Each structure stands twice: as structure tokens, then as C-alpha cells.
Amino acid sequence: MESCELYVRERYAIAITSMVRAGRRIYLGLTGGPNALAVYDIDRNEITVMDKLFPWVAGKGYCTKIHNAMGMLDDGSLLLGEGNHFTWDGLPVTVSYFNRELPERMLARKRAQGFPEAKYTDYCLESLEHWDRTARDIGGRIVRYQPHDGTQKIISLLPQYLYVQSMIVDGVRHRAFGHTLPDNHFFFLDVDSGILKDFGRISDYAHHNMTITPEGICYGGWQDKSDGSLKLLRFDPDRNRLEHLEKIILPDIGSKIAGNQGIDQWIVTREGRMYMGTCDGRLFHFHYLGEEFELIAKMGYGGRITSMDEDEEGYIWIGAGYPHMRLFRLDPGTGSVTDYGQVNNTYERCYFHASCCFEGRLYLGETDGFSPSLHIINLKSLWEGNNESASA
């Protein structure tokens, strides 16, 4: 598969973990240091890193992140949730974690981008022995960023010691819904007032992201430890009630893949259809009015559906598979799925955490490669090439 790859040239950035398009610019939320936001200019084909979006992060000794936690409000401003580079145990990533999860040769990509002295302790602590949570990690902030002039404002604080693991934004109603790391709490934010309400722990980790229906209802997932199932979580902001529904999505939540378990990603199409992908690679059509899940396909090799986006023709492009992500296309009209193969076969680990379709091109934000990059694919050429291969 042919693609153009552009790197985010920032020493402390190690992943692209969210993406939002504003006009002819695509904003990239990063796992990195104080400079946790970059922007791709479509016309100039250039990535620029924004300066010190989270200045308070400097000196922590490890990364922050905007992890599935960026959305656009109807005035064009961006809402950003501050995450933290913690394990699912709620503790900072350390060198021993990197040594197990990422072989040191992954640093070669970072060094090849002009940072020859890069080492793991640029991005994580040597150990937890001298870590002081009360001094370093008092809690995350939610920031409103104005793209037209580059200014930012902190509009809300999370409860003590909690950070944003994901946040979905209702730009029309000026609301946001999210969950935290550590402890997997659910929170609801009224953007205009800045009032954030913490609804407490959801369950053991059971979703990577949440979604909002066209009517403004938020859905996610929760893990029922009594039977090991994945069930539906619902929050109605008008009723101000978080509900652990008995609706079973998967009888068995499945094993963890790259630390994730349960729901991986959602999409709401322009026509109001909703689709959900799981960590084990299952794609569902979510009929939200009846709260029913229809299984469409099992895709990918090794699980994970981490990116879904709709093109101008109404097709949905899906990144699935771990650790070598493949590209699929769903035709919502027929329910058929086409496998276009592996996106990048030159890296030992390459998968995508965010995506954006615009003007016939698919933009994929790469994560876990230690030197974040944007893969750009011409969908028309890909489609036509696939058709020619099929007819040959």
C-alpha cells in the first residue's frame, strides 16, 4: 500500500493519540511533553508543533497526553483533556515497562528524526522510588484552545489525582463526557460554566472511548465481573443520571490487547448511523434507538479497531489489527467489508490511534512507534488499484 509519511519532529512526542480537522488544518493531539499539540497544514503539507500547550508539565520527567480527548465546539475552538502517561494500574510508566513493551531499537526512529541522544528516561521515570504523587500529579486540566490566535484557557479541573483518559465533545450543546485514569471514573462537563461532575468509578476498564448520539445521549461500556461480560453504559445529561445497563454487548469481554479491553472506538456517520469496534476486532452496527448491537464482521489480525472515519462518499475507513494495522473499508449500504491489507510493513509495530478523511485522502495518526507520524493515503488510487488487481 502506498502512503506518504510525515513525522512530528518534537523530541518529547512519542505518539499521535487524537485528531480533529478544522477547515484545512488537522490538529494532532500527542503523547509527549509540554508541547502536546501539533497541526498539519493540508495545503503546505507540513506539520508544526504548538508551543507549550501544557507548560505545567515541564520537569515532571515523563509524558502527558491528549488521548482520545479532543473535540471541536461550534465556535471553532478546541476542547482538550489533559491525560497522563500512566499504566492501567494508575502509576507512571517506568523504564522497566518500556524495556518489556518496546524494544530499545524503537528508539532508532526517534534518533533518525534528529534526536541522536534520545533515551527512555527522556519519556519516563527510571523507577517509582522517588516519585511523589502529591507534588507531581495533583490532577488533570481541561483546556479550551482558540486556533485563530493560539490562545488557551483552563476551563475546568478534574478531581484530585485524576486525569482524562478519553473525552467526547458535544460541540453543539457545549458538553463533554469522559473517563479517567487512574480509577476509571465517569465525568460530565458543562463547557460554558466550567462545572465538572464526577460520577465515580465505572468498573474495571471496559472501554477505550465513548460516543454521543445525535440526541445528545452518551454511551460507553462497563465490565460486569460477576460473569465477565461487557455491558452498555448510558448517561443522559438531561436526567443527570449514569446507568449501568444490563444490555450485554459481549458475553466475554475478552483478553487485554496492548492493555486495552472491551470497546475500542466509535463513529457516528453524517446520516446518524453508529458503529462500534472492540479490542478483539469485532465491528458492530449500534442501533441506538433500540440499544441493539448487530455484528458486521471480525476484522484485523491480533485485534483492535482503533480508528474509524467516513469519507465524502459515505464509506467508512477502519484501521484494525495489532501490532501491524490493516486498512478496511465498510460500505454501510450493503454491510460489505473490504480488506486493503497492511498499511506499513517496514516497522515492527505500527498501528493507528486516530484518523481523518478529507477530500479523498485518509490521514492516520500512528502510535506506539516512538516517533509519531501521519500516514496519508490517496483513497481513490487505493480503491482503483484494488479493483484493477481484482479484475486481473
Protein backbone atom coordinates (compact mmCIF):
# COMPACT_ATOMS: atom_id res chain seq x y z
CA MET A 1 0.00 0.00 0.00
CA GLU A 2 1.40 3.39 -0.98
CA SER A 3 1.31 6.16 1.60
CA CYS A 4 3.13 9.39 2.38
CA GLU A 5 4.54 9.54 5.92
CA LEU A 6 5.27 12.80 7.74
CA TYR A 7 6.89 12.85 11.18
CA VAL A 8 6.05 15.05 14.15
CA ARG A 9 9.54 16.43 14.83
CA GLU A 10 9.32 17.04 18.55
CA ARG A 11 11.82 15.46 20.92
CA TYR A 12 9.32 14.58 23.64
CA ALA A 13 6.47 13.40 21.39
CA ILE A 14 6.10 9.62 21.13
CA ALA A 15 2.57 9.13 19.70
CA ILE A 16 -0.38 10.75 17.94
CA THR A 17 -3.35 9.91 20.14
CA SER A 18 -6.17 12.17 18.86
CA MET A 19 -7.11 14.10 15.75
CA VAL A 20 -9.60 16.87 14.78
CA ARG A 21 -9.92 18.72 11.48
CA ALA A 22 -10.66 22.45 11.42
CA GLY A 23 -11.03 23.71 7.85
CA ARG A 24 -7.80 22.92 6.02
CA ARG A 25 -5.87 22.13 9.16
CA ILE A 26 -5.78 18.88 11.09
CA TYR A 27 -4.92 19.14 14.79
CA LEU A 28 -2.93 16.28 16.27
CA GLY A 29 -3.11 15.55 19.99
CA LEU A 30 0.14 13.99 21.16
CA THR A 31 1.56 11.84 23.87
CA GLY A 32 4.57 13.98 24.74
CA GLY A 33 5.77 16.86 26.87
CA PRO A 34 4.52 20.45 27.30
CA ASN A 35 4.16 20.72 23.50
CA ALA A 36 1.29 18.23 23.32
CA LEU A 37 -0.46 19.63 20.23
CA ALA A 38 0.65 19.79 16.59
CA VAL A 39 -1.13 20.93 13.44
CA TYR A 40 -0.93 19.59 9.91
CA ASP A 41 -1.46 22.19 7.18
CA ILE A 42 -3.09 20.39 4.26
CA ASP A 43 -2.10 22.94 1.62
CA ARG A 44 1.51 23.24 2.76
CA ASN A 45 1.83 19.51 3.57
CA GLU A 46 3.61 20.46 6.77
CA ILE A 47 3.37 19.62 10.47
CA THR A 48 4.03 22.35 13.06
CA VAL A 49 4.24 21.71 16.81
CA MET A 50 2.36 24.20 19.00
CA ASP A 51 4.49 25.75 21.74
CA LYS A 52 3.84 24.85 25.40
CA LEU A 53 0.19 23.96 25.35
CA PHE A 54 0.62 22.37 28.80
CA PRO A 55 3.53 24.37 30.30
CA TRP A 56 2.95 22.93 33.79
CA VAL A 57 4.08 19.51 32.53
CA ALA A 58 7.71 20.60 32.14
CA GLY A 59 10.02 18.94 34.64
CA LYS A 60 7.75 16.01 35.51
CA GLY A 61 10.17 13.54 34.00
CA TYR A 62 7.57 11.74 31.89
CA CYS A 63 4.92 12.36 29.26
CA THR A 64 1.46 13.83 29.26
CA LYS A 65 -1.07 13.02 26.54
CA ILE A 66 -4.18 14.16 24.70
CA HIS A 67 -5.59 10.65 24.40
CA ASN A 68 -8.93 10.41 22.55
CA ALA A 69 -9.63 13.70 24.35
CA MET A 70 -10.01 16.46 21.77
CA GLY A 71 -13.16 17.85 20.17
CA MET A 72 -14.39 20.96 18.41
CA LEU A 73 -17.06 23.34 19.67
CA ASP A 74 -19.42 25.14 17.31
CA ASP A 75 -17.38 28.37 17.51
CA GLY A 76 -14.31 26.60 16.12
CA SER A 77 -12.45 26.34 19.43
CA LEU A 78 -10.97 23.03 20.57
CA LEU A 79 -11.60 21.34 23.89
CA LEU A 80 -8.60 19.38 25.13
CA GLY A 81 -8.37 16.96 28.05
CA GLU A 82 -5.05 16.52 29.86
CA GLY A 83 -4.07 12.91 30.29
CA ASN A 84 -1.05 11.28 31.84
CA HIS A 85 1.36 8.57 30.79
CA PHE A 86 0.22 6.05 33.37
CA THR A 87 -0.19 2.30 33.20
CA TRP A 88 -3.65 0.85 33.82
CA ASP A 89 -2.58 0.44 37.45
CA GLY A 90 -2.62 4.24 37.70
CA LEU A 91 1.15 4.54 38.06
CA PRO A 92 3.66 6.34 35.84
CA VAL A 93 5.34 4.37 33.08
CA THR A 94 8.93 3.48 34.03
CA VAL A 95 11.99 2.21 32.18
CA SER A 96 11.21 -1.38 33.15
CA TYR A 97 7.81 -1.04 31.42
CA PHE A 98 9.42 0.31 28.23
CA ASN A 99 12.04 -2.43 28.26
CA ARG A 100 9.26 -5.01 28.28
CA GLU A 101 6.80 -3.31 25.90
CA LEU A 102 9.11 -1.51 23.46
CA PRO A 103 12.50 -2.94 22.48
CA GLU A 104 15.25 -0.32 22.57
CA ARG A 105 15.68 -0.45 18.80
CA MET A 106 12.40 1.51 18.62
CA LEU A 107 14.46 4.49 19.74
CA ALA A 108 16.22 4.32 16.37
CA ARG A 109 13.23 6.02 14.79
CA LYS A 110 13.42 8.88 17.24
CA ARG A 111 17.16 9.20 16.75
CA ALA A 112 16.72 9.18 12.96
CA GLN A 113 14.46 12.24 13.24
CA GLY A 114 17.32 14.39 14.54
CA PHE A 115 17.44 13.45 18.23
CA PRO A 116 20.53 11.21 18.40
CA GLU A 117 20.79 11.34 22.20
CA ALA A 118 17.20 10.18 22.80
CA LYS A 119 16.86 7.66 25.62
CA TYR A 120 13.97 6.13 27.53
CA THR A 121 14.46 8.37 30.56
CA ASP A 122 13.52 11.35 28.35
CA TYR A 123 9.97 9.94 28.39
CA CYS A 124 9.58 8.07 31.66
CA LEU A 125 10.95 7.67 35.18
CA GLU A 126 13.84 5.35 35.96
CA SER A 127 11.74 3.90 38.78
CA LEU A 128 8.94 4.91 41.16
CA GLU A 129 11.25 5.10 44.17
CA HIS A 130 11.39 8.92 44.32
CA TRP A 131 8.02 9.65 42.68
CA ASP A 132 5.76 11.91 44.76
CA ARG A 133 2.15 11.89 43.55
CA THR A 134 1.08 14.79 45.75
CA ALA A 135 3.79 17.03 44.31
CA ARG A 136 3.74 15.98 40.66
CA ASP A 137 0.29 14.68 39.80
CA ILE A 138 -2.39 16.69 41.52
CA GLY A 139 -4.91 16.18 38.69
CA GLY A 140 -5.67 16.99 35.06
CA ARG A 141 -6.99 20.15 33.43
CA ILE A 142 -9.44 20.71 30.60
CA VAL A 143 -8.29 23.43 28.23
CA ARG A 144 -10.15 25.47 25.62
CA TYR A 145 -7.81 26.32 22.73
CA GLN A 146 -8.51 29.04 20.12
CA PRO A 147 -6.93 28.04 16.76
CA HIS A 148 -7.29 31.54 15.27
CA ASP A 149 -4.85 33.15 17.71
CA GLY A 150 -3.23 30.22 19.55
CA THR A 151 -4.51 31.22 22.98
CA GLN A 152 -5.70 28.79 25.60
CA LYS A 153 -7.71 28.89 28.80
CA ILE A 154 -8.12 26.33 31.56
CA ILE A 155 -11.87 25.97 31.99
CA SER A 156 -12.07 23.10 34.47
CA LEU A 157 -10.05 20.88 36.79
CA LEU A 158 -10.51 17.18 37.35
CA PRO A 159 -10.78 15.80 40.89
CA GLN A 160 -7.52 15.28 42.75
CA TYR A 161 -5.14 12.75 41.17
CA LEU A 162 -7.43 12.02 38.18
CA TYR A 163 -6.56 12.65 34.51
CA VAL A 164 -8.51 12.46 31.25
CA GLN A 165 -8.17 9.07 29.57
CA SER A 166 -10.82 9.89 26.95
CA MET A 167 -13.26 12.73 26.39
CA ILE A 168 -16.02 13.02 23.78
CA VAL A 169 -17.30 16.53 22.97
CA ASP A 170 -20.84 17.60 22.07
CA GLY A 171 -19.89 20.78 20.22
CA VAL A 172 -23.46 21.99 19.62
CA ARG A 173 -24.67 21.61 23.20
CA HIS A 174 -21.30 22.60 24.73
CA ARG A 175 -21.00 19.42 26.77
CA ALA A 176 -18.25 16.88 27.26
CA PHE A 177 -18.20 13.37 28.69
CA GLY A 178 -15.14 11.43 29.71
CA HIS A 179 -13.46 8.82 31.82
CA THR A 180 -10.30 8.98 33.85
CA LEU A 181 -7.04 7.28 34.53
CA PRO A 182 -6.50 6.17 37.22
CA ASP A 183 -9.64 4.54 38.63
CA ASN A 184 -11.87 4.77 35.51
CA HIS A 185 -14.28 7.42 36.79
CA PHE A 186 -17.01 8.91 34.57
CA PHE A 187 -17.30 12.71 34.40
CA PHE A 188 -19.63 15.21 32.77
CA LEU A 189 -18.61 18.78 31.90
CA ASP A 190 -20.79 21.80 31.15
CA VAL A 191 -18.35 23.74 28.96
CA ASP A 192 -19.88 27.21 29.34
CA SER A 193 -20.00 27.14 33.14
CA GLY A 194 -16.89 25.03 33.59
CA ILE A 195 -18.74 22.86 36.11
CA LEU A 196 -17.48 19.28 36.08
CA LYS A 197 -19.30 16.50 37.91
CA ASP A 198 -17.52 13.28 38.86
CA PHE A 199 -19.86 10.27 38.91
CA GLY A 200 -17.27 7.94 40.41
CA ARG A 201 -15.91 4.64 39.24
CA ILE A 202 -17.49 2.91 36.24
CA SER A 203 -15.98 -0.57 36.62
CA ASP A 204 -12.71 -2.25 35.72
CA TYR A 205 -11.51 -0.85 32.40
CA ALA A 206 -14.06 -1.73 29.70
CA HIS A 207 -13.79 0.94 27.01
CA HIS A 208 -11.18 2.98 25.19
CA ASN A 209 -13.62 5.71 24.17
CA MET A 210 -17.28 6.76 24.35
CA THR A 211 -19.81 8.20 21.92
CA ILE A 212 -22.73 10.65 21.70
CA THR A 213 -25.97 10.03 19.81
CA PRO A 214 -27.49 12.76 17.62
CA GLU A 215 -29.91 13.38 20.52
CA GLY A 216 -27.05 14.02 22.96
CA ILE A 217 -27.03 10.73 24.93
CA CYS A 218 -23.59 9.40 25.88
CA TYR A 219 -22.79 5.67 25.64
CA GLY A 220 -19.82 3.59 26.73
CA GLY A 221 -19.22 0.20 28.26
CA TRP A 222 -18.72 -1.41 31.66
CA GLN A 223 -17.34 -4.73 32.78
CA ASP A 224 -19.54 -6.98 34.91
CA LYS A 225 -17.07 -9.01 36.95
CA SER A 226 -19.82 -11.36 38.13
CA ASP A 227 -19.94 -13.05 34.72
CA GLY A 228 -17.07 -11.45 32.76
CA SER A 229 -19.34 -9.76 30.25
CA LEU A 230 -19.12 -6.37 28.54
CA LYS A 231 -22.30 -4.34 29.08
CA LEU A 232 -23.67 -0.99 27.93
CA LEU A 233 -23.14 2.21 29.92
CA ARG A 234 -25.51 5.15 29.36
CA PHE A 235 -25.53 8.75 30.53
CA ASP A 236 -28.44 11.11 29.86
CA PRO A 237 -27.27 14.67 30.65
CA ASP A 238 -30.82 16.00 30.89
CA ARG A 239 -31.65 13.42 33.57
CA ASN A 240 -28.16 13.76 35.08
CA ARG A 241 -28.00 10.00 35.57
CA LEU A 242 -25.31 7.43 34.82
CA GLU A 243 -26.80 3.96 34.20
CA HIS A 244 -25.10 0.58 34.22
CA LEU A 245 -27.46 -1.21 31.84
CA GLU A 246 -27.89 -4.98 31.70
CA LYS A 247 -27.59 -4.94 27.90
CA ILE A 248 -24.81 -7.42 27.05
CA ILE A 249 -22.53 -6.40 24.19
CA LEU A 250 -20.13 -9.35 24.55
CA PRO A 251 -20.74 -12.33 26.86
CA ASP A 252 -16.97 -12.49 27.39
CA ILE A 253 -15.09 -9.19 27.44
CA GLY A 254 -12.03 -10.96 26.07
CA SER A 255 -8.35 -10.71 26.91
CA LYS A 256 -6.39 -7.48 27.07
CA ILE A 257 -4.64 -6.36 23.89
CA ALA A 258 -1.95 -3.70 24.37
CA GLY A 259 -3.51 -3.10 27.79
CA ASN A 260 -6.99 -2.44 26.39
CA GLN A 261 -10.14 -4.44 26.89
CA GLY A 262 -13.72 -4.10 25.71
CA ILE A 263 -14.78 -1.19 23.48
CA ASP A 264 -12.06 0.41 21.35
CA GLN A 265 -13.66 3.02 19.07
CA TRP A 266 -16.97 4.53 17.89
CA ILE A 267 -18.16 6.56 14.91
CA VAL A 268 -21.36 8.48 14.15
CA THR A 269 -21.88 8.99 10.42
CA ARG A 270 -23.38 12.06 8.75
CA GLU A 271 -26.63 10.12 8.37
CA GLY A 272 -26.67 9.36 12.09
CA ARG A 273 -25.64 5.70 11.91
CA MET A 274 -23.44 4.49 14.75
CA TYR A 275 -20.72 1.86 14.61
CA MET A 276 -18.54 0.45 17.36
CA GLY A 277 -15.33 -1.59 17.26
CA THR A 278 -13.95 -3.76 20.04
CA CYS A 279 -10.44 -4.58 21.21
CA ASP A 280 -10.77 -8.11 19.83
CA GLY A 281 -11.52 -6.73 16.34
CA ARG A 282 -15.32 -7.05 16.14
CA LEU A 283 -17.26 -4.38 14.25
CA PHE A 284 -20.87 -3.70 15.30
CA HIS A 285 -23.68 -1.54 13.98
CA PHE A 286 -25.20 0.07 17.08
CA HIS A 287 -28.94 0.66 16.59
CA TYR A 288 -29.04 3.20 19.38
CA LEU A 289 -32.79 3.90 19.42
CA GLY A 290 -33.38 0.28 20.47
CA GLU A 291 -29.93 -0.11 22.06
CA GLU A 292 -29.21 -3.18 19.95
CA PHE A 293 -25.84 -4.34 18.58
CA GLU A 294 -25.61 -6.02 15.17
CA LEU A 295 -22.33 -7.83 14.45
CA ILE A 296 -21.00 -6.92 10.99
CA ALA A 297 -17.56 -8.52 10.85
CA LYS A 298 -14.50 -9.76 12.71
CA MET A 299 -11.51 -7.96 11.23
CA GLY A 300 -7.83 -7.48 11.71
CA TYR A 301 -5.15 -9.87 12.89
CA GLY A 302 -4.48 -9.67 16.61
CA GLY A 303 -7.49 -7.48 17.37
CA ARG A 304 -8.08 -3.77 17.97
CA ILE A 305 -10.21 -1.34 15.97
CA THR A 306 -8.68 2.00 16.89
CA SER A 307 -9.61 4.32 14.02
CA MET A 308 -12.80 4.86 12.01
CA ASP A 309 -13.64 7.76 9.75
CA GLU A 310 -16.17 8.50 6.98
CA ASP A 311 -15.21 9.75 3.52
CA GLU A 312 -17.19 12.03 1.21
CA GLU A 313 -18.84 9.03 -0.47
CA GLY A 314 -20.15 7.69 2.83
CA TYR A 315 -17.71 4.78 3.10
CA ILE A 316 -16.11 4.15 6.49
CA TRP A 317 -12.37 3.52 6.60
CA ILE A 318 -11.25 1.38 9.52
CA GLY A 319 -7.82 0.70 10.99
CA ALA A 320 -7.69 -2.71 12.68
CA GLY A 321 -5.10 -5.24 13.79
CA TYR A 322 -2.28 -5.31 16.30
CA PRO A 323 0.62 -4.74 16.14
CA HIS A 324 0.53 -4.39 12.32
CA MET A 325 -2.59 -2.46 11.40
CA ARG A 326 -4.53 -3.18 8.24
CA LEU A 327 -6.95 -0.89 6.43
CA PHE A 328 -10.56 -1.90 5.83
CA ARG A 329 -13.48 -0.18 4.11
CA LEU A 330 -17.08 -0.62 5.20
CA ASP A 331 -19.93 0.06 2.79
CA PRO A 332 -22.79 1.00 5.16
CA GLY A 333 -25.35 0.46 2.39
CA THR A 334 -24.53 -3.20 1.86
CA GLY A 335 -22.63 -4.02 5.05
CA SER A 336 -19.73 -5.38 2.98
CA VAL A 337 -16.16 -5.04 4.25
CA THR A 338 -13.07 -4.83 2.00
CA ASP A 339 -9.60 -5.63 3.35
CA TYR A 340 -6.90 -3.46 1.71
CA GLY A 341 -4.04 -5.04 3.62
CA GLN A 342 -1.28 -3.79 5.87
CA VAL A 343 -0.69 -0.04 5.81
CA ASN A 344 3.02 -0.06 6.65
CA ASN A 345 5.17 -3.20 6.62
CA THR A 346 8.52 -1.53 7.33
CA TYR A 347 8.05 -1.16 11.10
CA GLU A 348 7.96 -3.93 13.63
CA ARG A 349 4.96 -2.21 15.26
CA CYS A 350 2.64 0.23 13.51
CA TYR A 351 -0.96 0.97 14.37
CA PHE A 352 -3.18 3.99 14.30
CA HIS A 353 -4.95 5.74 17.14
CA ALA A 354 -6.84 8.45 15.21
CA SER A 355 -7.91 9.24 11.67
CA CYS A 356 -9.48 11.84 9.42
CA CYS A 357 -10.92 11.64 5.88
CA PHE A 358 -10.90 14.80 3.77
CA GLU A 359 -11.02 15.46 0.03
CA GLY A 360 -10.32 11.88 -0.94
CA ARG A 361 -7.42 11.33 1.42
CA LEU A 362 -7.18 9.40 4.66
CA TYR A 363 -4.94 10.73 7.41
CA LEU A 364 -3.85 8.17 10.00
CA GLY A 365 -2.11 9.11 13.25
CA GLU A 366 0.46 6.49 14.24
CA THR A 367 1.13 5.48 17.83
CA ASP A 368 3.49 3.16 19.72
CA GLY A 369 6.33 3.61 17.22
CA PHE A 370 8.12 6.12 19.45
CA SER A 371 8.40 8.71 16.68
CA PRO A 372 4.83 9.74 15.82
CA SER A 373 3.93 10.08 12.18
CA LEU A 374 1.00 10.93 9.95
CA HIS A 375 0.32 8.43 7.17
CA ILE A 376 -1.53 9.95 4.19
CA ILE A 377 -3.31 7.65 1.75
CA ASN A 378 -4.96 8.61 -1.55
CA LEU A 379 -8.20 6.66 -1.29
CA LYS A 380 -9.14 6.93 -4.97
CA SER A 381 -5.81 5.48 -6.08
CA LEU A 382 -6.07 2.76 -3.44
CA TRP A 383 -9.60 1.86 -4.49
CA GLU A 384 -8.83 1.87 -8.21
CA GLY A 385 -5.65 -0.14 -7.68
CA ASN A 386 -7.56 -2.74 -5.68
CA ASN A 387 -10.23 -3.01 -8.41
CA GLU A 388 -7.56 -3.48 -11.07
CA SER A 389 -5.92 -6.23 -9.03
CA ALA A 390 -9.26 -7.97 -8.56
CA SER A 391 -10.02 -7.93 -12.29
CA ALA A 392 -6.54 -9.02 -13.42
